[in-house]
Amino acid sequence: MYAIATRLPASFALLFALTACSAGGGPEDDGAEQERAIADAAHASASAAAAPPPTDTAPPAPTCDASQVQGLIGQKADAGVTEQARIDAGASRVRLLHPGEMVTMEFDGERLSIEVDAAGNIVAVRCG
């Protein structure tokens, strides 16, 4: 928006200067110079009004939906159950969280986290 606001007055100033300078020439020269100045100003105005291309892209939407696998709570977490849970939740990755284990705190919307107790039973399922 700032670029448009600064370019547009500059275009009009250029147009004004070109039309003011053309007063000393002949009538034929004045018309051609004015037409050229108007065309240049219109081109500058159109260039300033054109929206710049987007520079940043939005991150992909999270694909994990843990609500689809809440029924697993209480079941034994084995390789087959965790893989099926990943598929059902639409997650790209799955991780098992054991009691007392160090866990990273970053959020990953494409990861399914399955928390288990000491016996290996699922106690919580969430995305992240």
N, C-alpha and C. Protein backbone atom coordinates (compact mmCIF):
# COMPACT_ATOMS: atom_id res chain seq x y z
N MET A 1 0.83 -1.18 0.00
CA MET A 1 0.00 0.00 0.00
C MET A 1 0.88 1.24 0.00
N TYR A 2 1.98 1.21 0.78
CA TYR A 2 2.88 2.35 0.85
C TYR A 2 3.50 2.64 -0.50
N ALA A 3 3.87 1.57 -1.23
CA ALA A 3 4.50 1.75 -2.54
C ALA A 3 3.54 2.43 -3.51
N ILE A 4 2.29 2.09 -3.45
CA ILE A 4 1.28 2.71 -4.33
C ILE A 4 1.13 4.17 -3.97
N ALA A 5 1.10 4.46 -2.67
CA ALA A 5 0.91 5.84 -2.22
C ALA A 5 2.08 6.72 -2.62
N THR A 6 3.29 6.18 -2.69
CA THR A 6 4.43 6.99 -3.06
C THR A 6 4.61 7.07 -4.57
N ARG A 7 4.24 6.08 -5.30
CA ARG A 7 4.42 6.08 -6.76
C ARG A 7 3.37 6.92 -7.47
N LEU A 8 2.16 6.90 -6.97
CA LEU A 8 1.08 7.61 -7.64
C LEU A 8 1.32 9.12 -7.64
N PRO A 9 1.65 9.77 -6.51
CA PRO A 9 1.94 11.21 -6.56
C PRO A 9 3.16 11.51 -7.43
N ALA A 10 4.14 10.63 -7.42
CA ALA A 10 5.32 10.84 -8.26
C ALA A 10 4.93 10.81 -9.73
N SER A 11 4.00 9.94 -10.09
CA SER A 11 3.55 9.87 -11.48
C SER A 11 2.85 11.15 -11.89
N PHE A 12 2.02 11.67 -10.99
CA PHE A 12 1.31 12.91 -11.31
C PHE A 12 2.28 14.09 -11.36
N ALA A 13 3.29 14.09 -10.50
CA ALA A 13 4.29 15.16 -10.53
C ALA A 13 5.05 15.12 -11.84
N LEU A 14 5.38 13.94 -12.29
CA LEU A 14 6.07 13.78 -13.58
C LEU A 14 5.18 14.29 -14.71
N LEU A 15 3.93 13.94 -14.68
CA LEU A 15 2.98 14.40 -15.70
C LEU A 15 2.89 15.92 -15.71
N PHE A 16 2.80 16.51 -14.51
CA PHE A 16 2.70 17.97 -14.41
C PHE A 16 3.96 18.63 -14.94
N ALA A 17 5.13 18.09 -14.58
CA ALA A 17 6.39 18.67 -15.02
C ALA A 17 6.53 18.58 -16.54
N LEU A 18 6.15 17.48 -17.11
CA LEU A 18 6.27 17.32 -18.55
C LEU A 18 5.31 18.24 -19.31
N THR A 19 4.13 18.41 -18.78
CA THR A 19 3.19 19.30 -19.46
C THR A 19 3.60 20.75 -19.28
N ALA A 20 4.20 21.11 -18.17
CA ALA A 20 4.64 22.49 -17.95
C ALA A 20 5.83 22.83 -18.84
N CYS A 21 6.72 21.87 -19.03
CA CYS A 21 7.91 22.11 -19.85
C CYS A 21 7.57 22.21 -21.33
N SER A 22 6.48 21.68 -21.74
CA SER A 22 6.16 21.65 -23.16
C SER A 22 5.55 22.95 -23.65
N ALA A 23 5.37 23.95 -22.79
CA ALA A 23 4.73 25.20 -23.19
C ALA A 23 5.57 26.00 -24.16
N GLY A 24 6.89 25.80 -24.19
CA GLY A 24 7.76 26.60 -25.05
C GLY A 24 7.83 26.11 -26.48
N GLY A 25 7.41 24.90 -26.80
CA GLY A 25 7.54 24.36 -28.15
C GLY A 25 6.37 24.74 -29.03
N GLY A 26 6.37 24.23 -30.25
CA GLY A 26 5.28 24.49 -31.18
C GLY A 26 4.05 23.69 -30.80
N PRO A 27 2.91 24.02 -31.40
CA PRO A 27 1.66 23.34 -31.08
C PRO A 27 1.72 21.84 -31.38
N GLU A 28 2.42 21.45 -32.44
CA GLU A 28 2.51 20.03 -32.77
C GLU A 28 3.32 19.28 -31.71
N ASP A 29 4.43 19.92 -31.28
CA ASP A 29 5.28 19.30 -30.26
C ASP A 29 4.53 19.17 -28.93
N ASP A 30 3.75 20.19 -28.59
CA ASP A 30 3.01 20.17 -27.33
C ASP A 30 2.06 18.97 -27.27
N GLY A 31 1.33 18.74 -28.31
CA GLY A 31 0.36 17.65 -28.32
C GLY A 31 1.03 16.29 -28.19
N ALA A 32 2.13 16.09 -28.91
CA ALA A 32 2.85 14.81 -28.86
C ALA A 32 3.47 14.60 -27.49
N GLU A 33 4.05 15.66 -26.92
CA GLU A 33 4.66 15.53 -25.60
C GLU A 33 3.60 15.27 -24.54
N GLN A 34 2.47 15.93 -24.64
CA GLN A 34 1.41 15.72 -23.66
C GLN A 34 0.86 14.29 -23.75
N GLU A 35 0.68 13.82 -24.97
CA GLU A 35 0.21 12.44 -25.13
C GLU A 35 1.21 11.45 -24.55
N ARG A 36 2.48 11.67 -24.79
CA ARG A 36 3.51 10.80 -24.26
C ARG A 36 3.53 10.87 -22.72
N ALA A 37 3.41 12.08 -22.18
CA ALA A 37 3.40 12.24 -20.72
C ALA A 37 2.19 11.54 -20.11
N ILE A 38 1.05 11.66 -20.74
CA ILE A 38 -0.17 11.01 -20.24
C ILE A 38 -0.01 9.50 -20.30
N ALA A 39 0.56 9.00 -21.40
CA ALA A 39 0.77 7.56 -21.53
C ALA A 39 1.77 7.07 -20.48
N ASP A 40 2.86 7.83 -20.25
CA ASP A 40 3.84 7.45 -19.24
C ASP A 40 3.21 7.45 -17.85
N ALA A 41 2.41 8.46 -17.55
CA ALA A 41 1.76 8.53 -16.24
C ALA A 41 0.78 7.39 -16.05
N ALA A 42 0.04 7.06 -17.10
CA ALA A 42 -0.91 5.95 -17.00
C ALA A 42 -0.18 4.63 -16.78
N HIS A 43 0.94 4.47 -17.48
CA HIS A 43 1.73 3.24 -17.31
C HIS A 43 2.30 3.16 -15.89
N ALA A 44 2.82 4.27 -15.38
CA ALA A 44 3.37 4.29 -14.02
C ALA A 44 2.28 4.02 -13.00
N SER A 45 1.11 4.60 -13.24
CA SER A 45 -0.01 4.39 -12.32
C SER A 45 -0.46 2.93 -12.33
N ALA A 46 -0.53 2.32 -13.51
CA ALA A 46 -0.93 0.92 -13.61
C ALA A 46 0.12 0.01 -12.95
N SER A 47 1.39 0.34 -13.10
CA SER A 47 2.45 -0.45 -12.47
C SER A 47 2.37 -0.35 -10.95
N ALA A 48 2.06 0.83 -10.45
CA ALA A 48 1.96 1.02 -9.00
C ALA A 48 0.74 0.32 -8.44
N ALA A 49 -0.33 0.27 -9.21
CA ALA A 49 -1.57 -0.33 -8.72
C ALA A 49 -1.55 -1.86 -8.78
N ALA A 50 -0.65 -2.42 -9.58
CA ALA A 50 -0.59 -3.89 -9.69
C ALA A 50 -0.15 -4.47 -8.36
N ALA A 51 -0.86 -5.47 -7.92
CA ALA A 51 -0.55 -6.10 -6.64
C ALA A 51 0.73 -6.92 -6.77
N PRO A 52 1.63 -6.80 -5.80
CA PRO A 52 2.85 -7.60 -5.86
C PRO A 52 2.52 -9.07 -5.61
N PRO A 53 3.31 -9.97 -6.15
CA PRO A 53 3.04 -11.38 -5.93
C PRO A 53 3.24 -11.72 -4.45
N PRO A 54 2.51 -12.69 -3.94
CA PRO A 54 2.68 -13.04 -2.53
C PRO A 54 4.09 -13.57 -2.28
N THR A 55 4.67 -13.13 -1.17
CA THR A 55 6.04 -13.52 -0.87
C THR A 55 6.11 -14.68 0.11
N ASP A 56 5.05 -14.88 0.87
CA ASP A 56 5.08 -15.97 1.83
C ASP A 56 3.89 -16.89 1.57
N THR A 57 4.08 -18.12 1.92
CA THR A 57 3.01 -19.08 1.75
C THR A 57 2.57 -19.57 3.11
N ALA A 58 1.31 -19.88 3.21
CA ALA A 58 0.77 -20.38 4.47
C ALA A 58 1.26 -21.80 4.71
N PRO A 59 1.50 -22.13 5.96
CA PRO A 59 1.90 -23.51 6.25
C PRO A 59 0.77 -24.46 5.94
N PRO A 60 1.10 -25.69 5.61
CA PRO A 60 0.03 -26.64 5.31
C PRO A 60 -0.84 -26.89 6.54
N ALA A 61 -2.10 -27.12 6.27
CA ALA A 61 -3.03 -27.39 7.37
C ALA A 61 -2.68 -28.72 8.02
N PRO A 62 -2.81 -28.78 9.35
CA PRO A 62 -2.53 -30.05 10.02
C PRO A 62 -3.46 -31.15 9.50
N THR A 63 -2.92 -32.34 9.38
CA THR A 63 -3.73 -33.43 8.85
C THR A 63 -4.17 -34.40 9.93
N CYS A 64 -3.60 -34.29 11.12
CA CYS A 64 -3.90 -35.23 12.20
C CYS A 64 -5.23 -34.89 12.86
N ASP A 65 -6.05 -35.90 13.10
CA ASP A 65 -7.33 -35.74 13.81
C ASP A 65 -7.45 -36.85 14.85
N ALA A 66 -7.03 -36.55 16.08
CA ALA A 66 -7.00 -37.56 17.14
C ALA A 66 -8.38 -38.00 17.58
N SER A 67 -9.41 -37.25 17.26
CA SER A 67 -10.77 -37.64 17.67
C SER A 67 -11.18 -38.96 17.03
N GLN A 68 -10.55 -39.30 15.93
CA GLN A 68 -10.87 -40.53 15.22
C GLN A 68 -10.35 -41.79 15.92
N VAL A 69 -9.41 -41.62 16.87
CA VAL A 69 -8.77 -42.79 17.50
C VAL A 69 -8.87 -42.78 19.02
N GLN A 70 -9.78 -42.02 19.58
CA GLN A 70 -9.94 -41.97 21.04
C GLN A 70 -10.41 -43.30 21.60
N GLY A 71 -11.03 -44.12 20.80
CA GLY A 71 -11.50 -45.43 21.24
C GLY A 71 -10.38 -46.41 21.57
N LEU A 72 -9.15 -46.05 21.25
CA LEU A 72 -8.01 -46.92 21.54
C LEU A 72 -7.55 -46.85 22.99
N ILE A 73 -8.02 -45.86 23.73
CA ILE A 73 -7.59 -45.70 25.13
C ILE A 73 -7.97 -46.96 25.90
N GLY A 74 -6.98 -47.50 26.60
CA GLY A 74 -7.16 -48.72 27.36
C GLY A 74 -6.63 -49.95 26.65
N GLN A 75 -6.42 -49.88 25.34
CA GLN A 75 -5.89 -51.01 24.58
C GLN A 75 -4.37 -51.07 24.69
N LYS A 76 -3.81 -52.24 24.43
CA LYS A 76 -2.37 -52.44 24.41
C LYS A 76 -1.80 -51.77 23.15
N ALA A 77 -0.72 -51.02 23.30
CA ALA A 77 -0.10 -50.32 22.17
C ALA A 77 0.98 -51.21 21.57
N ASP A 78 0.65 -51.88 20.48
CA ASP A 78 1.67 -52.64 19.75
C ASP A 78 1.86 -51.99 18.39
N ALA A 79 2.77 -52.53 17.60
CA ALA A 79 3.10 -51.93 16.30
C ALA A 79 1.89 -51.84 15.38
N GLY A 80 1.06 -52.87 15.35
CA GLY A 80 -0.11 -52.87 14.48
C GLY A 80 -1.14 -51.83 14.90
N VAL A 81 -1.37 -51.70 16.20
CA VAL A 81 -2.35 -50.73 16.72
C VAL A 81 -1.86 -49.31 16.47
N THR A 82 -0.59 -49.03 16.72
CA THR A 82 -0.09 -47.67 16.52
C THR A 82 -0.09 -47.27 15.05
N GLU A 83 0.24 -48.20 14.18
CA GLU A 83 0.23 -47.88 12.74
C GLU A 83 -1.20 -47.66 12.25
N GLN A 84 -2.14 -48.48 12.70
CA GLN A 84 -3.54 -48.30 12.30
C GLN A 84 -4.08 -46.98 12.86
N ALA A 85 -3.67 -46.63 14.07
CA ALA A 85 -4.08 -45.35 14.67
C ALA A 85 -3.56 -44.18 13.84
N ARG A 86 -2.32 -44.28 13.39
CA ARG A 86 -1.74 -43.22 12.54
C ARG A 86 -2.55 -43.05 11.28
N ILE A 87 -2.89 -44.15 10.65
CA ILE A 87 -3.67 -44.11 9.40
C ILE A 87 -5.05 -43.53 9.65
N ASP A 88 -5.72 -44.03 10.70
CA ASP A 88 -7.08 -43.57 11.01
C ASP A 88 -7.13 -42.09 11.38
N ALA A 89 -6.08 -41.61 12.04
CA ALA A 89 -6.03 -40.20 12.42
C ALA A 89 -5.59 -39.31 11.27
N GLY A 90 -5.09 -39.89 10.19
CA GLY A 90 -4.62 -39.11 9.05
C GLY A 90 -3.29 -38.44 9.31
N ALA A 91 -2.51 -38.97 10.22
CA ALA A 91 -1.22 -38.39 10.58
C ALA A 91 -0.11 -38.92 9.68
N SER A 92 0.93 -38.13 9.53
CA SER A 92 2.11 -38.57 8.75
C SER A 92 3.03 -39.43 9.59
N ARG A 93 3.09 -39.13 10.89
CA ARG A 93 4.00 -39.83 11.80
C ARG A 93 3.27 -40.18 13.08
N VAL A 94 3.84 -41.13 13.82
CA VAL A 94 3.29 -41.50 15.13
C VAL A 94 4.46 -41.67 16.09
N ARG A 95 4.24 -41.29 17.35
CA ARG A 95 5.25 -41.53 18.37
C ARG A 95 4.59 -42.06 19.63
N LEU A 96 5.28 -42.95 20.30
CA LEU A 96 4.83 -43.50 21.57
C LEU A 96 5.52 -42.75 22.69
N LEU A 97 4.75 -42.33 23.67
CA LEU A 97 5.29 -41.60 24.81
C LEU A 97 5.18 -42.48 26.05
N HIS A 98 6.32 -42.92 26.58
CA HIS A 98 6.36 -43.79 27.76
C HIS A 98 6.51 -42.94 29.02
N PRO A 99 6.07 -43.46 30.17
CA PRO A 99 6.19 -42.72 31.43
C PRO A 99 7.65 -42.38 31.74
N GLY A 100 7.90 -41.14 32.16
CA GLY A 100 9.25 -40.71 32.52
C GLY A 100 10.17 -40.41 31.36
N GLU A 101 9.71 -40.61 30.15
CA GLU A 101 10.53 -40.39 28.96
C GLU A 101 10.59 -38.90 28.64
N MET A 102 11.76 -38.43 28.22
CA MET A 102 11.88 -37.03 27.80
C MET A 102 11.18 -36.86 26.45
N VAL A 103 10.43 -35.76 26.33
CA VAL A 103 9.64 -35.52 25.13
C VAL A 103 9.88 -34.10 24.65
N THR A 104 10.04 -33.93 23.36
CA THR A 104 10.15 -32.58 22.80
C THR A 104 8.79 -31.90 22.89
N MET A 105 8.79 -30.59 23.03
CA MET A 105 7.55 -29.85 23.23
C MET A 105 7.06 -29.14 21.96
N GLU A 106 7.76 -29.27 20.83
CA GLU A 106 7.31 -28.59 19.62
C GLU A 106 6.02 -29.24 19.12
N PHE A 107 5.17 -28.43 18.54
CA PHE A 107 3.91 -28.94 18.01
C PHE A 107 4.10 -29.33 16.56
N ASP A 108 3.65 -30.51 16.21
CA ASP A 108 3.70 -31.00 14.84
C ASP A 108 2.29 -31.47 14.50
N GLY A 109 1.58 -30.70 13.72
CA GLY A 109 0.19 -30.99 13.39
C GLY A 109 -0.01 -32.22 12.53
N GLU A 110 1.07 -32.83 12.07
CA GLU A 110 0.97 -34.03 11.24
C GLU A 110 1.40 -35.28 12.01
N ARG A 111 1.63 -35.13 13.33
CA ARG A 111 2.12 -36.26 14.13
C ARG A 111 1.06 -36.67 15.16
N LEU A 112 0.86 -37.97 15.30
CA LEU A 112 -0.01 -38.52 16.33
C LEU A 112 0.86 -38.98 17.49
N SER A 113 0.56 -38.49 18.68
CA SER A 113 1.28 -38.89 19.89
C SER A 113 0.39 -39.82 20.70
N ILE A 114 0.92 -41.00 21.00
CA ILE A 114 0.18 -41.99 21.78
C ILE A 114 0.92 -42.16 23.10
N GLU A 115 0.26 -41.80 24.19
CA GLU A 115 0.85 -41.90 25.52
C GLU A 115 0.43 -43.23 26.14
N VAL A 116 1.41 -43.96 26.67
CA VAL A 116 1.13 -45.28 27.27
C VAL A 116 1.57 -45.28 28.74
N ASP A 117 1.00 -46.18 29.50
CA ASP A 117 1.41 -46.35 30.90
C ASP A 117 2.54 -47.36 30.98
N ALA A 118 2.95 -47.69 32.19
CA ALA A 118 4.08 -48.61 32.38
C ALA A 118 3.81 -50.00 31.82
N ALA A 119 2.53 -50.39 31.74
CA ALA A 119 2.16 -51.70 31.21
C ALA A 119 2.03 -51.70 29.69
N GLY A 120 2.17 -50.53 29.06
CA GLY A 120 2.07 -50.44 27.61
C GLY A 120 0.65 -50.22 27.10
N ASN A 121 -0.28 -49.88 28.02
CA ASN A 121 -1.66 -49.58 27.62
C ASN A 121 -1.79 -48.10 27.27
N ILE A 122 -2.59 -47.83 26.26
CA ILE A 122 -2.79 -46.45 25.80
C ILE A 122 -3.62 -45.70 26.84
N VAL A 123 -3.09 -44.54 27.29
CA VAL A 123 -3.80 -43.71 28.26
C VAL A 123 -4.23 -42.37 27.66
N ALA A 124 -3.62 -41.95 26.56
CA ALA A 124 -4.01 -40.71 25.88
C ALA A 124 -3.56 -40.74 24.43
N VAL A 125 -4.34 -40.10 23.60
CA VAL A 125 -4.01 -40.00 22.18
C VAL A 125 -4.27 -38.55 21.78
N ARG A 126 -3.25 -37.92 21.16
CA ARG A 126 -3.41 -36.51 20.75
C ARG A 126 -2.50 -36.23 19.55
N CYS A 127 -2.80 -35.18 18.90
CA CYS A 127 -1.95 -34.73 17.79
C CYS A 127 -0.93 -33.75 18.35
N GLY A 128 0.19 -33.72 17.72
CA GLY A 128 1.21 -32.76 18.15
C GLY A 128 2.56 -33.34 18.34
